[in-house]
Protein backbone atom coordinates (compact mmCIF):
# COMPACT_ATOMS: atom_id res chain seq x y z
CA UNK A 1 -47.79 -9.17 46.04
CA UNK A 2 -47.29 -12.69 44.54
CA UNK A 3 -44.03 -14.23 44.57
CA UNK A 4 -41.88 -15.03 41.50
CA UNK A 5 -40.34 -18.33 40.72
CA UNK A 6 -37.20 -19.45 38.97
CA UNK A 7 -37.41 -19.28 35.22
CA UNK A 8 -35.55 -22.58 35.01
CA UNK A 9 -37.71 -24.41 37.68
CA UNK A 10 -40.57 -23.20 35.82
CA UNK A 11 -39.67 -24.33 32.45
CA UNK A 12 -38.68 -27.79 33.89
CA UNK A 13 -42.18 -28.17 35.25
CA UNK A 14 -43.98 -26.69 32.29
CA UNK A 15 -42.09 -29.30 30.03
CA UNK A 16 -42.79 -32.21 32.12
CA UNK A 17 -46.54 -31.40 33.02
CA UNK A 18 -47.70 -29.77 29.59
CA UNK A 19 -45.38 -30.31 26.74
CA UNK A 20 -44.49 -34.15 27.50
CA UNK A 21 -48.02 -35.02 29.01
CA UNK A 22 -51.21 -32.78 28.94
CA UNK A 23 -50.56 -31.06 25.60
CA UNK A 24 -49.10 -34.08 23.86
CA UNK A 25 -52.06 -36.04 24.84
CA UNK A 26 -54.61 -33.64 23.37
CA UNK A 27 -54.97 -30.89 25.90
CA UNK A 28 -54.67 -27.20 25.37
CA UNK A 29 -53.78 -24.29 27.67
CA UNK A 30 -53.07 -20.68 27.87
CA UNK A 31 -50.36 -19.34 30.11
CA UNK A 32 -49.50 -15.89 31.03
CA UNK A 33 -45.81 -15.14 32.03
CA UNK A 34 -44.39 -12.04 33.50
CA UNK A 35 -40.61 -11.85 33.45
CA UNK A 36 -39.14 -9.81 36.22
CA UNK A 37 -35.43 -9.16 37.63
CA UNK A 38 -34.31 -8.18 33.96
CA UNK A 39 -35.04 -11.44 32.58
CA UNK A 40 -34.96 -11.04 28.96
CA UNK A 41 -37.95 -11.81 26.89
CA UNK A 42 -35.85 -13.14 24.06
CA UNK A 43 -34.02 -15.45 26.53
CA UNK A 44 -37.23 -16.87 27.63
CA UNK A 45 -38.50 -17.29 24.27
CA UNK A 46 -35.35 -19.23 23.02
CA UNK A 47 -35.65 -21.70 25.94
CA UNK A 48 -39.22 -22.20 25.21
CA UNK A 49 -38.20 -22.71 21.60
CA UNK A 50 -35.48 -25.29 22.57
CA UNK A 51 -37.77 -27.25 24.91
CA UNK A 52 -40.63 -27.27 22.31
CA UNK A 53 -38.68 -28.35 19.40
CA UNK A 54 -36.77 -30.99 21.30
CA UNK A 55 -40.48 -32.42 22.20
CA UNK A 56 -41.48 -32.43 18.68
CA UNK A 57 -43.76 -29.52 18.59
CA UNK A 58 -44.02 -26.64 15.97
CA UNK A 59 -42.85 -23.58 17.71
CA UNK A 60 -44.00 -20.27 16.55
CA UNK A 61 -42.98 -16.88 18.39
CA UNK A 62 -45.04 -13.71 17.45
CA UNK A 63 -44.50 -10.07 18.70
CA UNK A 64 -46.93 -7.60 19.05
CA UNK A 65 -44.64 -5.08 17.68
CA UNK A 66 -44.51 -6.92 14.25
CA UNK A 67 -47.70 -8.69 14.10
CA UNK A 68 -51.24 -7.22 14.66
CA UNK A 69 -52.03 -9.57 17.61
CA UNK A 70 -55.27 -7.91 18.33
CA UNK A 71 -56.70 -9.90 15.21
CA UNK A 72 -57.03 -13.64 15.18
CA UNK A 73 -56.61 -13.93 11.42
CA UNK A 74 -53.31 -12.08 11.38
CA UNK A 75 -52.10 -14.39 14.17
CA UNK A 76 -53.08 -17.37 12.05
CA UNK A 77 -51.53 -16.05 9.02
CA UNK A 78 -48.25 -15.42 10.86
CA UNK A 79 -48.30 -18.90 12.13
CA UNK A 80 -49.13 -20.27 8.55
CA UNK A 81 -45.72 -18.61 7.19
CA UNK A 82 -43.86 -20.86 9.71
CA UNK A 83 -45.40 -24.11 8.64
CA UNK A 84 -44.03 -26.55 6.11
CA UNK A 85 -47.40 -27.34 4.19
CA UNK A 86 -45.95 -29.47 1.69
CA UNK A 87 -44.12 -31.67 4.04
CA UNK A 88 -47.31 -32.10 6.26
CA UNK A 89 -49.17 -33.10 3.20
CA UNK A 90 -46.27 -35.60 2.03
CA UNK A 91 -46.35 -36.98 5.81
CA UNK A 92 -50.15 -37.67 5.57
CA UNK A 93 -50.15 -39.28 2.03
CA UNK A 94 -47.14 -41.53 3.24
CA UNK A 95 -49.05 -42.44 6.33
CA UNK A 96 -52.24 -43.41 5.00
CA UNK A 97 -50.70 -45.36 2.07
CA UNK A 98 -48.40 -47.10 4.27
CA UNK A 99 -51.42 -48.21 6.53
CA UNK A 100 -52.86 -49.88 3.60
CA UNK A 101 -49.60 -51.73 2.90
CA UNK A 102 -48.93 -50.19 -0.46
CA UNK A 103 -45.41 -50.20 -1.74
CA UNK A 104 -43.90 -46.75 -1.62
CA UNK A 105 -40.49 -45.25 -3.32
CA UNK A 106 -38.01 -44.37 -0.64
CA UNK A 107 -37.04 -41.12 -2.29
CA UNK A 108 -39.52 -38.29 -1.95
CA UNK A 109 -38.62 -37.04 -5.37
CA UNK A 110 -39.94 -40.38 -6.83
CA UNK A 111 -43.15 -40.02 -4.65
CA UNK A 112 -45.51 -39.68 -7.50
CA UNK A 113 -48.70 -41.15 -8.93
CA UNK A 114 -46.90 -42.92 -11.77
CA UNK A 115 -44.27 -44.53 -9.52
CA UNK A 116 -46.49 -45.71 -6.91
CA UNK A 117 -48.86 -47.09 -9.34
CA UNK A 118 -46.03 -49.21 -10.91
CA UNK A 119 -44.75 -50.29 -7.69
CA UNK A 120 -48.06 -51.75 -6.70
CA UNK A 121 -48.86 -53.10 -10.16
CA UNK A 122 -51.77 -50.83 -10.59
CA UNK A 123 -53.28 -48.91 -13.51
CA UNK A 124 -52.33 -45.00 -13.28
CA UNK A 125 -56.28 -44.30 -13.30
CA UNK A 126 -56.85 -46.82 -10.84
CA UNK A 127 -54.26 -45.76 -8.37
CA UNK A 128 -55.62 -42.10 -8.66
CA UNK A 129 -59.20 -43.45 -7.68
CA UNK A 130 -57.54 -45.32 -4.64
CA UNK A 131 -55.75 -42.31 -3.50
CA UNK A 132 -58.66 -39.82 -3.84
CA UNK A 133 -60.81 -42.25 -2.03
CA UNK A 134 -58.34 -42.73 0.89
CA UNK A 135 -58.07 -38.89 1.00
CA UNK A 136 -61.76 -38.53 1.50
CA UNK A 137 -62.14 -41.22 3.92
CA UNK A 138 -59.26 -39.99 6.07
CA UNK A 139 -59.10 -36.38 5.57
CA UNK A 140 -62.43 -35.12 4.26
CA UNK A 141 -64.19 -36.73 6.87
CA UNK A 142 -62.00 -35.87 9.81
CA UNK A 143 -64.32 -33.23 11.32
CA UNK A 144 -61.80 -32.14 13.91
CA UNK A 145 -60.84 -29.65 11.13
CA UNK A 146 -63.22 -26.97 9.38
CA UNK A 147 -64.27 -27.78 6.02
CA UNK A 148 -62.43 -25.13 4.40
CA UNK A 149 -59.00 -26.30 6.00
CA UNK A 150 -60.01 -29.99 4.84
CA UNK A 151 -60.60 -28.71 1.24
CA UNK A 152 -57.27 -26.96 1.20
CA UNK A 153 -55.39 -29.79 2.64
CA UNK A 154 -57.19 -31.95 0.00
CA UNK A 155 -55.58 -29.99 -2.68
CA UNK A 156 -52.16 -29.84 -1.12
CA UNK A 157 -52.26 -33.61 -0.86
CA UNK A 158 -53.19 -34.20 -4.31
CA UNK A 159 -50.61 -31.63 -5.56
CA UNK A 160 -47.88 -33.87 -3.66
CA UNK A 161 -48.61 -36.89 -5.47
CA UNK A 162 -50.31 -35.82 -8.73
CA UNK A 163 -49.23 -32.41 -9.67
CA UNK A 164 -50.49 -32.85 -13.28
CA UNK A 165 -53.95 -33.69 -12.10
CA UNK A 166 -54.21 -30.14 -10.06
CA UNK A 167 -55.13 -27.23 -11.91
CA UNK A 168 -52.37 -24.75 -12.27
CA UNK A 169 -51.98 -22.17 -9.49
CA UNK A 170 -54.37 -23.99 -7.06
CA UNK A 171 -51.59 -25.23 -4.52
CA UNK A 172 -49.79 -21.89 -4.48
CA UNK A 173 -52.97 -20.11 -4.29
CA UNK A 174 -53.93 -22.18 -1.23
CA UNK A 175 -50.70 -21.74 0.44
CA UNK A 176 -51.09 -17.65 -0.11
CA UNK A 177 -54.74 -18.14 1.31
CA UNK A 178 -53.48 -19.66 4.61
CA UNK A 179 -50.69 -16.90 4.75
CA UNK A 180 -53.01 -13.94 4.10
CA UNK A 181 -51.29 -12.99 1.01
CA UNK A 182 -53.98 -14.16 -1.67
CA UNK A 183 -55.49 -11.48 -3.71
CA UNK A 184 -58.35 -12.09 -4.85
CA UNK A 185 -60.08 -14.77 -3.44
CA UNK A 186 -61.98 -15.69 -6.74
CA UNK A 187 -58.51 -17.15 -7.70
CA UNK A 188 -59.76 -20.17 -5.40
CA UNK A 189 -63.31 -20.41 -6.63
CA UNK A 190 -62.65 -23.49 -8.67
CA UNK A 191 -61.15 -25.04 -5.62
CA UNK A 192 -64.40 -24.59 -3.79
CA UNK A 193 -62.78 -22.01 -1.37
CA UNK A 194 -64.81 -18.82 -1.20
CA UNK A 195 -63.92 -16.65 1.56
CA UNK A 196 -61.01 -15.26 2.99
CA UNK A 197 -59.65 -15.97 6.53
CA UNK A 198 -60.86 -13.58 8.99
CA UNK A 199 -61.81 -12.79 12.41
CA UNK A 200 -64.95 -15.06 11.92
CA UNK A 201 -63.18 -18.31 11.09
CA UNK A 202 -59.47 -17.50 12.15
CA UNK A 203 -59.72 -19.37 15.50
CA UNK A 204 -61.30 -22.46 13.90
CA UNK A 205 -58.45 -22.32 11.29
CA UNK A 206 -55.91 -22.32 14.30
CA UNK A 207 -57.60 -25.49 15.76
CA UNK A 208 -57.48 -27.10 12.75
CA UNK A 209 -53.89 -26.53 12.07
CA UNK A 210 -52.91 -27.81 15.54
CA UNK A 211 -54.97 -31.03 14.86
CA UNK A 212 -53.23 -31.33 11.19
CA UNK A 213 -50.10 -31.06 12.80
CA UNK A 214 -50.62 -33.86 15.40
CA UNK A 215 -51.92 -36.30 12.90
CA UNK A 216 -48.96 -35.73 10.83
CA UNK A 217 -46.17 -36.61 13.36
CA UNK A 218 -46.00 -33.41 15.40
CA UNK A 219 -46.67 -33.27 19.23
CA UNK A 220 -48.69 -30.07 18.46
CA UNK A 221 -48.21 -26.36 18.32
CA UNK A 222 -46.55 -24.09 20.83
CA UNK A 223 -47.16 -20.34 20.27
CA UNK A 224 -45.78 -17.47 22.26
CA UNK A 225 -47.26 -14.01 21.90
CA UNK A 226 -45.09 -11.12 23.42
CA UNK A 227 -47.67 -8.37 24.12
CA UNK A 228 -45.01 -5.82 25.61
CA UNK A 229 -45.84 -3.33 22.77
CA UNK A 230 -49.43 -2.96 24.24
CA UNK A 231 -48.01 -1.08 27.28
CA UNK A 232 -46.43 1.58 24.94
CA UNK A 233 -48.90 4.55 24.53
CA UNK A 234 -46.32 6.96 23.23
CA UNK A 235 -45.22 6.66 19.48
CA UNK A 236 -41.96 7.66 18.37
CA UNK A 237 -41.60 10.90 16.72
CA UNK A 238 -40.16 9.32 13.58
CA UNK A 239 -42.02 6.09 12.26
CA UNK A 240 -40.09 2.94 12.94
CA UNK A 241 -42.13 0.67 10.96
CA UNK A 242 -43.25 -1.20 14.08
CA UNK A 243 -46.84 -1.52 15.10
CA UNK A 244 -48.22 0.58 17.99
CA UNK A 245 -51.65 0.26 19.78
CA UNK A 246 -54.31 2.59 20.73
CA UNK A 247 -56.28 1.98 23.73
CA UNK A 248 -59.28 0.24 22.08
CA UNK A 249 -56.87 -1.84 20.08
CA UNK A 250 -55.32 -2.92 23.46
CA UNK A 251 -58.50 -4.07 24.53
CA UNK A 252 -59.23 -5.90 21.26
CA UNK A 253 -55.94 -7.72 22.03
CA UNK A 254 -57.08 -8.64 25.36
CA UNK A 255 -60.39 -9.92 24.08
CA UNK A 256 -58.40 -12.21 21.71
CA UNK A 257 -56.48 -13.69 24.39
CA UNK A 258 -59.73 -14.18 26.49
CA UNK A 259 -61.20 -15.99 23.87
CA UNK A 260 -58.10 -18.25 23.77
CA UNK A 261 -58.88 -19.09 27.26
CA UNK A 262 -62.66 -19.77 26.74
CA UNK A 263 -61.97 -21.88 23.63
CA UNK A 264 -59.34 -24.17 25.07
CA UNK A 265 -61.97 -26.86 25.02
CA UNK A 266 -62.11 -26.56 21.35
CA UNK A 267 -58.33 -26.59 20.80
CA UNK A 268 -56.19 -29.61 21.20
CA UNK A 269 -52.36 -30.20 21.03
CA UNK A 270 -51.71 -26.46 21.45
CA UNK A 271 -49.83 -24.58 24.09
CA UNK A 272 -50.14 -20.59 24.12
CA UNK A 273 -47.69 -18.72 26.20
CA UNK A 274 -48.41 -14.80 26.56
CA UNK A 275 -45.40 -13.00 27.65
CA UNK A 276 -46.03 -9.47 29.19
CA UNK A 277 -44.04 -6.79 30.91
CA UNK A 278 -44.35 -6.07 34.55
CA UNK A 279 -46.46 -3.04 33.71
CA UNK A 280 -49.05 -5.42 32.57
CA UNK A 281 -49.75 -6.06 36.40
CA UNK A 282 -50.06 -2.34 37.34
CA UNK A 283 -53.27 -2.28 39.13
CA UNK A 284 -53.42 1.37 38.68
CA UNK A 285 -53.16 1.21 34.75
CA UNK A 286 -56.74 1.14 33.79
CA UNK A 287 -56.17 1.76 30.10
CA UNK A 288 -53.37 -0.55 29.07
CA UNK A 289 -52.71 -3.15 31.88
CA UNK A 290 -54.74 -6.27 32.72
CA UNK A 291 -57.14 -4.36 34.81
CA UNK A 292 -58.25 -2.47 31.78
CA UNK A 293 -60.25 -5.61 30.67
CA UNK A 294 -61.78 -7.22 33.57
CA UNK A 295 -63.06 -10.24 31.38
CA UNK A 296 -59.46 -11.23 31.04
CA UNK A 297 -58.33 -10.25 34.61
CA UNK A 298 -60.89 -12.49 36.28
CA UNK A 299 -59.81 -15.53 34.12
CA UNK A 300 -56.10 -15.09 35.11
CA UNK A 301 -55.53 -12.89 38.24
CA UNK A 302 -54.27 -14.94 41.23
CA UNK A 303 -56.45 -13.24 43.80
CA UNK A 304 -55.90 -16.27 46.32
CA UNK A 305 -52.35 -17.40 46.64
CA UNK A 306 -49.71 -18.54 48.59
CA UNK A 307 -47.60 -15.96 50.14
CA UNK A 308 -44.44 -18.05 50.17
CA UNK A 309 -44.70 -20.43 47.17
CA UNK A 310 -45.62 -19.90 43.44
CA UNK A 311 -48.08 -22.45 41.98
CA UNK A 312 -46.10 -23.24 38.71
CA UNK A 313 -49.33 -24.45 36.99
CA UNK A 314 -51.41 -21.27 37.48
CA UNK A 315 -52.44 -19.15 34.53
CA UNK A 316 -50.44 -16.52 35.68
CA UNK A 317 -46.94 -16.87 36.78
CA UNK A 318 -43.95 -14.05 37.50
CA UNK A 319 -40.60 -15.42 36.63
CA UNK A 320 -37.05 -14.27 37.57
CA UNK A 321 -33.79 -15.61 37.33
CA UNK A 322 -33.61 -17.09 40.72
CA UNK A 323 -37.08 -16.72 42.10
CA UNK A 324 -38.02 -15.67 45.47
CA UNK A 325 -40.48 -18.55 46.20
CA UNK A 326 -39.74 -22.03 47.46
CA UNK A 327 -39.76 -24.54 44.41
CA UNK A 328 -42.68 -26.91 44.37
CA UNK A 329 -41.93 -30.30 42.88
CA UNK A 330 -45.10 -31.99 41.46
CA UNK A 331 -45.92 -35.42 41.04
CA UNK A 332 -44.90 -36.85 44.65
CA UNK A 333 -41.91 -34.43 45.02
CA UNK A 334 -41.44 -32.69 48.06
CA UNK A 335 -42.42 -29.08 48.61
């Protein structure tokens, strides 16, 4: 049996090694955490939220009881509902215009094409051409993001600075599309977006979002996924409005998590924390526990481990209030 470590010690190391270093500098990681000793999941999530937001990340927490976490598109849509899309578009426009030394109004309410053209003694049409050219150079040719994501952000940027030049309904339609609330997709045909976000492109949209966050002043994205509901086979007699998972749905969920691990090379500025109950590690549970899906088990199971110390950087960590292993101090510290 592997040992657990103190939640506070682990959070301190996670913050120093990942949030303030590896992920901030472009890395991506997927970590599995199993709280023990009556350590509340909500308390752990709140501590992660505080640490992530203090370090400049967008923090999103999803619960498998309220989000269908076995579907990558549903995960992306849920994250998209927490994103301030207009703020990111505004930050991007302000950044690229400032780099070219254009004079800009201090007040965001005055951040419009006409005011910027006047401040820089340019004709309105000429200023529009300049801005569209800059958007094509800096946004549309940024191939770290998918083409559909780039097109969507182009429209949102244009709507920020030149709303009269954008067809009615396009900006709201794009935000609905990102959030999974658009019906039908033909609404965005004139915006050159022809398909919904689904299982085939949800993962690429997520990597595009983490990149978009980073280039607009955020350190990146921290996502927590609480999969406690995967362990509950029995539904209540009366429907409670939450989500329950059949055995095949649980395996689908593990497959999504396995793909996150396999795709970390394609992700950047992103930390995904999977929080699971102790039952997740039950080697006898071949239907709902980790051992039900060997492709995931082989990627995170700590088959070889120190009997007295917990490696805080391993893919799977057990946490308790005080820990029963000696704390490992990294970066030259004593062990």
